Amino acid sequence: MPQTVFRYLAWGLILGLFIVTDTTLAFRPHTLISPNADRFAALFVVGAVFSFAYPKHVLPILLALLAVIVGFELIQKLLAGRHGYMKDIFVKGAGCCAGVVAATALRRARSAMSKPTGNP
């Protein structure tokens, strides 16, 4: 996919993450997996998509995403009926880091495989 598509997708995922994290529980999707697995998987995807969207800015993107995760959890503390827990920050942060690392490794492996070997 072109980088532009990944960029739109990445920011759309952040908006979706905000909606399910910091609005009423009615907007939270029901899943068949545990909440922690759901959090990890969701942020894995967000981290991977942002890594593909901004491949030359992996570290700043990772730091910004971690700040967004903390911010979204802190906003929950201000909302009635919602909670923000430190353990949620760690699970989401781990998922985000894993997604960024996986996407970066995949991109580098793909780049290495596409380089000519130099043998005639």
Protein backbone atom coordinates (compact mmCIF):
# COMPACT_ATOMS: atom_id res chain seq x y z
CA MET A 1 0.00 0.00 0.00
CA PRO A 2 1.23 3.48 -0.66
CA GLN A 3 2.39 5.48 2.34
CA THR A 4 -0.51 7.90 1.97
CA VAL A 5 -3.03 5.12 2.53
CA PHE A 6 -1.14 3.99 5.63
CA ARG A 7 -1.15 7.56 6.93
CA TYR A 8 -4.92 7.93 6.56
CA LEU A 9 -5.41 4.51 8.11
CA ALA A 10 -3.06 5.33 11.01
CA TRP A 11 -4.86 8.53 11.93
CA GLY A 12 -8.23 6.85 11.49
CA LEU A 13 -7.11 4.17 13.93
CA ILE A 14 -6.12 6.84 16.46
CA LEU A 15 -9.58 8.39 16.14
CA GLY A 16 -11.19 4.97 16.58
CA LEU A 17 -8.97 4.28 19.57
CA PHE A 18 -10.04 7.56 21.14
CA ILE A 19 -13.70 6.73 20.59
CA VAL A 20 -13.52 3.30 22.22
CA THR A 21 -11.16 4.47 24.98
CA ASP A 22 -12.59 7.79 26.06
CA THR A 23 -16.29 7.82 25.25
CA THR A 24 -19.25 5.95 26.66
CA LEU A 25 -18.96 2.20 27.09
CA ALA A 26 -21.70 1.76 24.48
CA PHE A 27 -19.09 2.44 21.78
CA ARG A 28 -16.72 -0.25 23.07
CA PRO A 29 -16.73 -3.30 20.80
CA HIS A 30 -17.44 -6.70 22.31
CA THR A 31 -14.68 -9.20 21.69
CA LEU A 32 -14.15 -12.89 22.35
CA ILE A 33 -10.69 -12.39 23.85
CA SER A 34 -9.61 -10.99 27.20
CA PRO A 35 -9.51 -7.21 27.60
CA ASN A 36 -5.71 -7.22 27.93
CA ALA A 37 -5.27 -9.31 24.78
CA ASP A 38 -7.69 -6.96 23.03
CA ARG A 39 -5.74 -3.89 24.17
CA PHE A 40 -2.41 -5.43 23.17
CA ALA A 41 -3.69 -6.48 19.73
CA ALA A 42 -5.33 -3.13 19.01
CA LEU A 43 -2.19 -1.17 19.84
CA PHE A 44 -0.01 -3.70 17.99
CA VAL A 45 -1.97 -2.84 14.85
CA VAL A 46 -1.77 0.91 15.54
CA GLY A 47 2.00 0.72 16.11
CA ALA A 48 2.56 -1.35 12.97
CA VAL A 49 0.43 0.90 10.76
CA PHE A 50 2.15 4.05 12.04
CA SER A 51 5.52 2.41 11.44
CA PHE A 52 4.56 1.70 7.82
CA ALA A 53 3.08 5.20 7.44
CA TYR A 54 6.18 7.01 8.69
CA PRO A 55 9.13 4.64 8.10
CA LYS A 56 11.80 7.33 8.47
CA HIS A 57 10.45 8.51 11.83
CA VAL A 58 10.04 5.31 13.81
CA LEU A 59 11.40 6.51 17.16
CA PRO A 60 9.49 9.84 17.23
CA ILE A 61 6.32 8.01 16.17
CA LEU A 62 6.79 5.41 18.90
CA LEU A 63 7.33 8.09 21.54
CA ALA A 64 4.31 10.05 20.31
CA LEU A 65 2.12 6.94 20.38
CA LEU A 66 3.22 6.16 23.92
CA ALA A 67 2.32 9.73 24.91
CA VAL A 68 -1.09 9.32 23.25
CA ILE A 69 -1.67 6.10 25.20
CA VAL A 70 -0.87 7.83 28.49
CA GLY A 71 -3.03 10.81 27.52
CA PHE A 72 -6.02 8.65 26.63
CA GLU A 73 -5.75 6.81 29.96
CA LEU A 74 -5.47 10.09 31.89
CA ILE A 75 -8.56 11.44 30.11
CA GLN A 76 -10.46 8.39 31.38
CA LYS A 77 -9.74 9.53 34.95
CA LEU A 78 -11.78 12.67 34.23
CA LEU A 79 -14.80 10.83 32.82
CA ALA A 80 -17.66 9.54 34.94
CA GLY A 81 -18.02 5.79 34.72
CA ARG A 82 -14.57 5.28 33.17
CA HIS A 83 -11.24 4.38 34.68
CA GLY A 84 -7.65 4.63 33.62
CA TYR A 85 -5.25 2.10 35.07
CA MET A 86 -1.48 2.00 34.98
CA LYS A 87 -1.59 -1.68 33.96
CA ASP A 88 -3.62 -0.71 30.89
CA ILE A 89 -0.90 1.76 29.93
CA PHE A 90 1.73 -0.98 30.16
CA VAL A 91 -0.31 -3.49 28.14
CA LYS A 92 -1.12 -0.92 25.45
CA GLY A 93 2.45 0.36 25.41
CA ALA A 94 3.80 -3.16 25.02
CA GLY A 95 1.42 -3.81 22.13
CA CYS A 96 2.41 -0.56 20.46
CA CYS A 97 6.13 -1.27 20.84
CA ALA A 98 5.69 -4.81 19.54
CA GLY A 99 3.79 -3.52 16.51
CA VAL A 100 6.44 -0.93 15.70
CA VAL A 101 9.25 -3.47 16.10
CA ALA A 102 7.46 -6.10 14.01
CA ALA A 103 6.66 -3.66 11.19
CA THR A 104 10.19 -2.25 11.21
CA ALA A 105 11.70 -5.76 11.10
CA LEU A 106 9.35 -6.77 8.29
CA ARG A 107 10.19 -3.65 6.29
CA ARG A 108 13.94 -4.18 6.77
CA ALA A 109 13.74 -7.87 5.86
CA ARG A 110 11.78 -7.05 2.74
CA SER A 111 14.31 -4.38 1.80
CA ALA A 112 17.23 -6.77 2.34
CA MET A 113 15.59 -9.47 0.22
CA SER A 114 14.97 -7.07 -2.65
CA LYS A 115 18.61 -5.93 -2.87
CA PRO A 116 20.66 -7.55 -5.62
CA THR A 117 23.31 -9.95 -4.37
CA GLY A 118 25.93 -8.82 -6.87
CA ASN A 119 26.45 -12.30 -8.30
CA PRO A 120 26.15 -12.52 -12.11
